Amino acid sequence: MVAKLLSHKQGFTLVEFILVLTIISLVVFLTVVNHTENLNPTDIESHISLLTSRIDFYQSLAIKQKQPVLLLFRPYHNDMKVQIGHKTPIFISLKPLILSNRSNLDYLQFNSKGQISKFGTLHFTYQHTHFALIFHIEQGRYRISFEN
């Protein structure tokens, strides 16, 4: 009778349980590692896109709030100082992009219509790749130029 009860058990053994937990842990680990790699952009296009989207955001903020927004580019600090009206300035780091000293554009000031009155070029370096943001006068239009 005892042998009959032992042969008809309905659960997992300890070895089967550990094997299933190992497989589940491995799948979860691989999933988490792949997602964290996707969160850190490493290519130049994504960093340029992030920078230009910040500039576009502050241009649209000037239009929306109907007040000037000043973007001051500081190459020695490698950051951008943002002054919105009379509020406290915001400092935004440009890392991993490196703002070059040879840039001939110190600041951009968007008026309440989103227009700029100064044109020029910002030179950047990212992992031995040089590129420039060239700003045109009026509507704050810019283009990206890769340098050799």
N, C-alpha and C. Protein backbone atom coordinates (compact mmCIF):
# COMPACT_ATOMS: atom_id res chain seq x y z
N MET A 1 0.80 -1.18 0.00
CA MET A 1 0.00 0.00 0.00
C MET A 1 0.86 1.26 0.00
N VAL A 2 1.96 1.27 0.76
CA VAL A 2 2.85 2.42 0.81
C VAL A 2 3.52 2.61 -0.55
N ALA A 3 3.90 1.53 -1.21
CA ALA A 3 4.53 1.64 -2.53
C ALA A 3 3.56 2.21 -3.55
N LYS A 4 2.29 1.89 -3.41
CA LYS A 4 1.28 2.40 -4.33
C LYS A 4 1.10 3.91 -4.17
N LEU A 5 1.15 4.44 -2.96
CA LEU A 5 1.01 5.87 -2.72
C LEU A 5 2.22 6.66 -3.25
N LEU A 6 3.42 6.10 -3.12
CA LEU A 6 4.61 6.80 -3.57
C LEU A 6 4.71 6.85 -5.09
N SER A 7 4.18 5.89 -5.78
CA SER A 7 4.31 5.87 -7.24
C SER A 7 3.32 6.79 -7.93
N HIS A 8 2.32 7.28 -7.26
CA HIS A 8 1.30 8.15 -7.87
C HIS A 8 1.34 9.58 -7.31
N LYS A 9 2.50 10.17 -7.19
CA LYS A 9 2.59 11.54 -6.67
C LYS A 9 2.24 12.54 -7.78
N GLN A 10 1.73 13.71 -7.41
CA GLN A 10 1.24 14.70 -8.37
C GLN A 10 2.08 15.98 -8.40
N GLY A 11 3.30 16.02 -7.88
CA GLY A 11 4.09 17.25 -7.82
C GLY A 11 5.41 17.12 -8.56
N PHE A 12 6.18 18.21 -8.51
CA PHE A 12 7.50 18.22 -9.13
C PHE A 12 8.55 17.81 -8.12
N THR A 13 9.63 17.26 -8.61
CA THR A 13 10.76 16.98 -7.73
C THR A 13 11.57 18.26 -7.57
N LEU A 14 12.48 18.25 -6.64
CA LEU A 14 13.32 19.42 -6.40
C LEU A 14 14.19 19.73 -7.61
N VAL A 15 14.69 18.73 -8.29
CA VAL A 15 15.53 18.93 -9.47
C VAL A 15 14.72 19.59 -10.59
N GLU A 16 13.50 19.14 -10.82
CA GLU A 16 12.65 19.74 -11.84
C GLU A 16 12.32 21.20 -11.49
N PHE A 17 12.07 21.46 -10.23
CA PHE A 17 11.76 22.81 -9.78
C PHE A 17 12.95 23.76 -10.00
N ILE A 18 14.15 23.32 -9.65
CA ILE A 18 15.35 24.14 -9.85
C ILE A 18 15.61 24.36 -11.34
N LEU A 19 15.38 23.35 -12.16
CA LEU A 19 15.58 23.49 -13.61
C LEU A 19 14.61 24.53 -14.20
N VAL A 20 13.37 24.51 -13.81
CA VAL A 20 12.38 25.47 -14.30
C VAL A 20 12.74 26.89 -13.83
N LEU A 21 13.14 27.05 -12.57
CA LEU A 21 13.53 28.37 -12.07
C LEU A 21 14.77 28.89 -12.79
N THR A 22 15.70 28.02 -13.13
CA THR A 22 16.90 28.43 -13.87
C THR A 22 16.53 28.94 -15.26
N ILE A 23 15.66 28.26 -15.94
CA ILE A 23 15.24 28.68 -17.28
C ILE A 23 14.50 30.02 -17.22
N ILE A 24 13.61 30.18 -16.26
CA ILE A 24 12.88 31.44 -16.12
C ILE A 24 13.83 32.58 -15.79
N SER A 25 14.78 32.34 -14.89
CA SER A 25 15.76 33.38 -14.53
C SER A 25 16.61 33.78 -15.72
N LEU A 26 17.01 32.82 -16.53
CA LEU A 26 17.82 33.10 -17.70
C LEU A 26 17.05 33.95 -18.72
N VAL A 27 15.80 33.63 -18.95
CA VAL A 27 14.97 34.40 -19.89
C VAL A 27 14.77 35.83 -19.38
N VAL A 28 14.49 36.00 -18.10
CA VAL A 28 14.30 37.33 -17.53
C VAL A 28 15.59 38.13 -17.61
N PHE A 29 16.72 37.52 -17.31
CA PHE A 29 18.01 38.21 -17.37
C PHE A 29 18.32 38.69 -18.79
N LEU A 30 18.11 37.85 -19.78
CA LEU A 30 18.39 38.23 -21.16
C LEU A 30 17.46 39.35 -21.63
N THR A 31 16.24 39.33 -21.19
CA THR A 31 15.29 40.37 -21.56
C THR A 31 15.67 41.71 -20.95
N VAL A 32 16.05 41.72 -19.69
CA VAL A 32 16.42 42.96 -19.00
C VAL A 32 17.70 43.54 -19.59
N VAL A 33 18.68 42.71 -19.90
CA VAL A 33 19.94 43.19 -20.47
C VAL A 33 19.69 43.83 -21.83
N ASN A 34 18.86 43.24 -22.66
CA ASN A 34 18.58 43.81 -23.98
C ASN A 34 17.85 45.14 -23.88
N HIS A 35 16.96 45.29 -22.91
CA HIS A 35 16.22 46.55 -22.78
C HIS A 35 17.11 47.68 -22.28
N THR A 36 18.05 47.41 -21.39
CA THR A 36 18.92 48.47 -20.90
C THR A 36 19.87 48.94 -21.98
N GLU A 37 20.27 48.08 -22.90
CA GLU A 37 21.12 48.51 -23.99
C GLU A 37 20.36 49.43 -24.95
N ASN A 38 19.06 49.24 -25.08
CA ASN A 38 18.26 50.08 -25.97
C ASN A 38 18.01 51.46 -25.39
N LEU A 39 18.12 51.62 -24.07
CA LEU A 39 17.83 52.90 -23.45
C LEU A 39 18.96 53.91 -23.60
N ASN A 40 20.18 53.45 -23.81
CA ASN A 40 21.32 54.35 -23.93
C ASN A 40 21.70 54.50 -25.40
N PRO A 41 21.32 55.60 -26.01
CA PRO A 41 21.66 55.76 -27.43
C PRO A 41 23.16 55.93 -27.62
N THR A 42 23.72 55.18 -28.55
CA THR A 42 25.16 55.24 -28.77
C THR A 42 25.51 55.73 -30.16
N ASP A 43 24.56 55.89 -31.01
CA ASP A 43 24.90 56.33 -32.36
C ASP A 43 24.72 57.85 -32.48
N ILE A 44 25.43 58.40 -33.42
CA ILE A 44 25.48 59.86 -33.58
C ILE A 44 24.13 60.43 -33.99
N GLU A 45 23.36 59.67 -34.78
CA GLU A 45 22.07 60.18 -35.23
C GLU A 45 21.12 60.43 -34.06
N SER A 46 21.14 59.55 -33.07
CA SER A 46 20.24 59.73 -31.94
C SER A 46 20.66 60.91 -31.07
N HIS A 47 21.96 61.15 -30.95
CA HIS A 47 22.41 62.31 -30.16
C HIS A 47 22.12 63.62 -30.89
N ILE A 48 22.27 63.63 -32.20
CA ILE A 48 21.92 64.83 -32.97
C ILE A 48 20.42 65.07 -32.89
N SER A 49 19.66 64.01 -32.98
CA SER A 49 18.20 64.12 -32.89
C SER A 49 17.78 64.66 -31.52
N LEU A 50 18.45 64.22 -30.47
CA LEU A 50 18.13 64.71 -29.13
C LEU A 50 18.44 66.20 -29.01
N LEU A 51 19.58 66.63 -29.53
CA LEU A 51 19.95 68.04 -29.48
C LEU A 51 18.98 68.90 -30.29
N THR A 52 18.68 68.49 -31.50
CA THR A 52 17.78 69.29 -32.34
C THR A 52 16.36 69.30 -31.80
N SER A 53 15.94 68.22 -31.17
CA SER A 53 14.59 68.22 -30.59
C SER A 53 14.52 69.16 -29.39
N ARG A 54 15.62 69.28 -28.64
CA ARG A 54 15.64 70.26 -27.54
C ARG A 54 15.55 71.69 -28.09
N ILE A 55 16.27 71.96 -29.16
CA ILE A 55 16.22 73.30 -29.76
C ILE A 55 14.82 73.58 -30.30
N ASP A 56 14.23 72.60 -30.97
CA ASP A 56 12.87 72.76 -31.49
C ASP A 56 11.86 72.96 -30.36
N PHE A 57 12.08 72.26 -29.24
CA PHE A 57 11.18 72.40 -28.10
C PHE A 57 11.20 73.83 -27.56
N TYR A 58 12.40 74.39 -27.41
CA TYR A 58 12.49 75.76 -26.87
C TYR A 58 11.98 76.79 -27.86
N GLN A 59 12.08 76.52 -29.14
CA GLN A 59 11.50 77.41 -30.14
C GLN A 59 9.97 77.39 -30.02
N SER A 60 9.40 76.21 -29.90
CA SER A 60 7.94 76.12 -29.76
C SER A 60 7.47 76.66 -28.42
N LEU A 61 8.31 76.56 -27.39
CA LEU A 61 7.96 77.13 -26.09
C LEU A 61 7.90 78.65 -26.16
N ALA A 62 8.80 79.25 -26.92
CA ALA A 62 8.78 80.71 -27.10
C ALA A 62 7.49 81.14 -27.80
N ILE A 63 7.06 80.37 -28.78
CA ILE A 63 5.82 80.70 -29.49
C ILE A 63 4.62 80.52 -28.58
N LYS A 64 4.61 79.41 -27.84
CA LYS A 64 3.46 79.12 -26.98
C LYS A 64 3.31 80.13 -25.85
N GLN A 65 4.43 80.45 -25.18
CA GLN A 65 4.36 81.35 -24.04
C GLN A 65 4.45 82.83 -24.44
N LYS A 66 4.67 83.08 -25.73
CA LYS A 66 4.75 84.45 -26.26
C LYS A 66 5.77 85.30 -25.50
N GLN A 67 6.92 84.69 -25.25
CA GLN A 67 8.02 85.42 -24.62
C GLN A 67 9.35 84.88 -25.15
N PRO A 68 10.39 85.69 -25.13
CA PRO A 68 11.67 85.25 -25.71
C PRO A 68 12.31 84.12 -24.90
N VAL A 69 13.01 83.26 -25.62
CA VAL A 69 13.78 82.18 -25.01
C VAL A 69 15.21 82.29 -25.54
N LEU A 70 16.17 82.36 -24.62
CA LEU A 70 17.57 82.50 -24.97
C LEU A 70 18.29 81.18 -24.74
N LEU A 71 18.98 80.68 -25.77
CA LEU A 71 19.83 79.50 -25.66
C LEU A 71 21.27 79.97 -25.78
N LEU A 72 22.02 79.89 -24.71
CA LEU A 72 23.40 80.34 -24.68
C LEU A 72 24.30 79.10 -24.70
N PHE A 73 25.11 78.98 -25.74
CA PHE A 73 25.99 77.82 -25.90
C PHE A 73 27.35 78.15 -25.29
N ARG A 74 27.77 77.35 -24.32
CA ARG A 74 29.00 77.61 -23.58
C ARG A 74 30.01 76.49 -23.84
N PRO A 75 30.95 76.70 -24.78
CA PRO A 75 31.87 75.62 -25.15
C PRO A 75 32.82 75.21 -24.03
N TYR A 76 33.20 76.13 -23.15
CA TYR A 76 34.14 75.76 -22.08
C TYR A 76 33.47 74.94 -20.99
N HIS A 77 32.17 75.03 -20.89
CA HIS A 77 31.41 74.21 -19.95
C HIS A 77 30.75 73.03 -20.65
N ASN A 78 30.75 73.04 -21.97
CA ASN A 78 30.10 72.03 -22.80
C ASN A 78 28.63 71.85 -22.40
N ASP A 79 27.96 72.98 -22.28
CA ASP A 79 26.54 72.93 -21.95
C ASP A 79 25.80 74.06 -22.65
N MET A 80 24.51 74.06 -22.41
CA MET A 80 23.63 75.06 -23.01
C MET A 80 22.82 75.68 -21.87
N LYS A 81 22.89 76.99 -21.75
CA LYS A 81 22.13 77.71 -20.74
C LYS A 81 20.84 78.19 -21.38
N VAL A 82 19.73 77.87 -20.75
CA VAL A 82 18.41 78.22 -21.29
C VAL A 82 17.77 79.25 -20.36
N GLN A 83 17.46 80.41 -20.91
CA GLN A 83 16.80 81.47 -20.15
C GLN A 83 15.43 81.71 -20.76
N ILE A 84 14.39 81.40 -19.99
CA ILE A 84 13.01 81.59 -20.45
C ILE A 84 12.44 82.80 -19.73
N GLY A 85 12.29 83.90 -20.45
CA GLY A 85 11.77 85.11 -19.83
C GLY A 85 12.66 85.56 -18.68
N HIS A 86 12.05 85.79 -17.52
CA HIS A 86 12.81 86.22 -16.34
C HIS A 86 12.94 85.09 -15.32
N LYS A 87 12.69 83.87 -15.74
CA LYS A 87 12.79 82.73 -14.82
C LYS A 87 14.25 82.36 -14.58
N THR A 88 14.48 81.51 -13.61
CA THR A 88 15.82 81.01 -13.30
C THR A 88 16.35 80.21 -14.48
N PRO A 89 17.60 80.43 -14.88
CA PRO A 89 18.14 79.70 -16.04
C PRO A 89 18.29 78.21 -15.77
N ILE A 90 18.21 77.45 -16.85
CA ILE A 90 18.37 76.00 -16.82
C ILE A 90 19.66 75.68 -17.57
N PHE A 91 20.47 74.79 -17.02
CA PHE A 91 21.70 74.37 -17.67
C PHE A 91 21.55 72.94 -18.15
N ILE A 92 21.77 72.71 -19.44
CA ILE A 92 21.62 71.39 -20.04
C ILE A 92 22.97 70.96 -20.60
N SER A 93 23.46 69.84 -20.11
CA SER A 93 24.74 69.32 -20.58
C SER A 93 24.61 68.80 -22.00
N LEU A 94 25.65 68.99 -22.79
CA LEU A 94 25.66 68.53 -24.17
C LEU A 94 26.36 67.18 -24.31
N LYS A 95 26.87 66.63 -23.23
CA LYS A 95 27.59 65.35 -23.29
C LYS A 95 26.68 64.27 -23.82
N PRO A 96 27.18 63.38 -24.60
CA PRO A 96 28.54 63.08 -25.02
C PRO A 96 29.01 63.91 -26.21
N LEU A 97 28.17 64.81 -26.73
CA LEU A 97 28.63 65.71 -27.79
C LEU A 97 29.58 66.73 -27.19
N ILE A 98 30.57 67.13 -27.95
CA ILE A 98 31.54 68.12 -27.49
C ILE A 98 31.41 69.35 -28.38
N LEU A 99 31.05 70.47 -27.76
CA LEU A 99 30.90 71.74 -28.48
C LEU A 99 32.28 72.34 -28.71
N SER A 100 32.58 72.65 -29.96
CA SER A 100 33.90 73.16 -30.33
C SER A 100 34.01 74.66 -30.08
N ASN A 101 35.23 75.11 -29.79
CA ASN A 101 35.49 76.54 -29.58
C ASN A 101 35.42 77.33 -30.88
N ARG A 102 35.51 76.66 -32.02
CA ARG A 102 35.51 77.38 -33.29
C ARG A 102 34.10 77.71 -33.79
N SER A 103 33.09 77.43 -32.98
CA SER A 103 31.72 77.79 -33.34
C SER A 103 31.59 79.31 -33.36
N ASN A 104 30.91 79.84 -34.36
CA ASN A 104 30.75 81.29 -34.45
C ASN A 104 29.36 81.74 -34.00
N LEU A 105 28.66 80.88 -33.31
CA LEU A 105 27.33 81.21 -32.79
C LEU A 105 27.35 81.02 -31.28
N ASP A 106 27.26 82.12 -30.55
CA ASP A 106 27.31 82.06 -29.09
C ASP A 106 25.93 81.79 -28.49
N TYR A 107 24.91 82.29 -29.13
CA TYR A 107 23.56 82.15 -28.57
C TYR A 107 22.53 82.14 -29.68
N LEU A 108 21.36 81.63 -29.33
CA LEU A 108 20.16 81.72 -30.17
C LEU A 108 19.09 82.35 -29.30
N GLN A 109 18.43 83.36 -29.80
CA GLN A 109 17.31 83.94 -29.07
C GLN A 109 16.07 83.86 -29.94
N PHE A 110 15.12 83.07 -29.48
CA PHE A 110 13.85 82.95 -30.17
C PHE A 110 12.92 84.03 -29.64
N ASN A 111 12.34 84.82 -30.54
CA ASN A 111 11.37 85.81 -30.10
C ASN A 111 10.01 85.14 -29.92
N SER A 112 8.99 85.92 -29.65
CA SER A 112 7.67 85.35 -29.37
C SER A 112 7.03 84.69 -30.60
N LYS A 113 7.61 84.92 -31.78
CA LYS A 113 7.12 84.27 -33.00
C LYS A 113 8.00 83.08 -33.39
N GLY A 114 9.02 82.77 -32.58
CA GLY A 114 9.90 81.65 -32.87
C GLY A 114 11.00 81.97 -33.85
N GLN A 115 11.18 83.25 -34.16
CA GLN A 115 12.21 83.65 -35.12
C GLN A 115 13.51 83.99 -34.40
N ILE A 116 14.63 83.84 -35.12
CA ILE A 116 15.92 84.24 -34.58
C ILE A 116 16.47 85.38 -35.42
N SER A 117 17.32 86.21 -34.80
CA SER A 117 17.87 87.36 -35.52
C SER A 117 19.36 87.19 -35.78
N LYS A 118 19.92 86.05 -35.45
CA LYS A 118 21.34 85.82 -35.63
C LYS A 118 21.52 84.47 -36.31
N PHE A 119 22.47 84.39 -37.20
CA PHE A 119 22.75 83.12 -37.86
C PHE A 119 24.20 82.75 -37.61
N GLY A 120 24.51 81.49 -37.77
CA GLY A 120 25.88 81.03 -37.55
C GLY A 120 25.94 79.52 -37.50
N THR A 121 27.08 79.02 -37.03
CA THR A 121 27.34 77.59 -37.04
C THR A 121 27.83 77.12 -35.68
N LEU A 122 27.29 76.01 -35.23
CA LEU A 122 27.78 75.33 -34.03
C LEU A 122 28.52 74.07 -34.48
N HIS A 123 29.77 73.94 -34.07
CA HIS A 123 30.57 72.78 -34.44
C HIS A 123 30.63 71.81 -33.26
N PHE A 124 30.40 70.53 -33.55
CA PHE A 124 30.40 69.50 -32.53
C PHE A 124 31.32 68.35 -32.93
N THR A 125 31.75 67.59 -31.92
CA THR A 125 32.52 66.37 -32.14
C THR A 125 31.87 65.26 -31.31
N TYR A 126 31.76 64.10 -31.93
CA TYR A 126 31.25 62.92 -31.22
C TYR A 126 32.06 61.72 -31.70
N GLN A 127 32.85 61.14 -30.82
CA GLN A 127 33.66 59.96 -31.12
C GLN A 127 34.40 60.10 -32.46
N HIS A 128 35.20 61.12 -32.59
CA HIS A 128 36.04 61.39 -33.76
C HIS A 128 35.23 61.74 -35.01
N THR A 129 33.96 62.02 -34.87
CA THR A 129 33.14 62.47 -36.00
C THR A 129 32.79 63.93 -35.76
N HIS A 130 33.04 64.76 -36.75
CA HIS A 130 32.77 66.19 -36.65
C HIS A 130 31.53 66.53 -37.48
N PHE A 131 30.66 67.33 -36.89
CA PHE A 131 29.49 67.79 -37.62
C PHE A 131 29.16 69.20 -37.16
N ALA A 132 28.33 69.86 -37.94
CA ALA A 132 27.97 71.25 -37.64
C ALA A 132 26.47 71.42 -37.77
N LEU A 133 25.91 72.24 -36.89
CA LEU A 133 24.53 72.70 -37.01
C LEU A 133 24.61 74.12 -37.55
N ILE A 134 24.09 74.32 -38.74
CA ILE A 134 24.16 75.62 -39.40
C ILE A 134 22.77 76.26 -39.32
N PHE A 135 22.70 77.40 -38.62
CA PHE A 135 21.42 78.08 -38.41
C PHE A 135 21.27 79.21 -39.42
N HIS A 136 20.07 79.31 -39.97
CA HIS A 136 19.73 80.37 -40.91
C HIS A 136 18.84 81.38 -40.20
N ILE A 137 18.85 82.60 -40.68
CA ILE A 137 18.09 83.67 -40.04
C ILE A 137 16.59 83.48 -40.30
N GLU A 138 15.79 84.12 -39.51
CA GLU A 138 14.33 84.14 -39.57
C GLU A 138 13.72 83.00 -38.75
N GLN A 139 13.14 82.01 -39.37
CA GLN A 139 12.31 81.02 -38.67
C GLN A 139 13.10 80.00 -37.85
N GLY A 140 14.37 80.21 -37.64
CA GLY A 140 15.14 79.27 -36.83
C GLY A 140 15.45 77.98 -37.55
N ARG A 141 15.48 78.04 -38.87
CA ARG A 141 15.79 76.85 -39.65
C ARG A 141 17.26 76.52 -39.50
N TYR A 142 17.57 75.24 -39.55
CA TYR A 142 18.95 74.79 -39.45
C TYR A 142 19.13 73.56 -40.31
N ARG A 143 20.39 73.27 -40.58
CA ARG A 143 20.71 72.04 -41.29
C ARG A 143 21.93 71.43 -40.65
N ILE A 144 22.11 70.15 -40.86
CA ILE A 144 23.22 69.41 -40.27
C ILE A 144 24.21 69.10 -41.38
N SER A 145 25.47 69.39 -41.13
CA SER A 145 26.52 69.15 -42.11
C SER A 145 27.63 68.34 -41.45
N PHE A 146 27.94 67.18 -42.02
CA PHE A 146 29.04 66.36 -41.51
C PHE A 146 30.33 66.81 -42.16
N GLU A 147 31.37 66.91 -41.36
CA GLU A 147 32.66 67.40 -41.84
C GLU A 147 33.64 66.24 -41.96
N ASN A 148 34.61 66.40 -42.83
CA ASN A 148 35.64 65.37 -43.00
C ASN A 148 36.80 65.61 -42.07
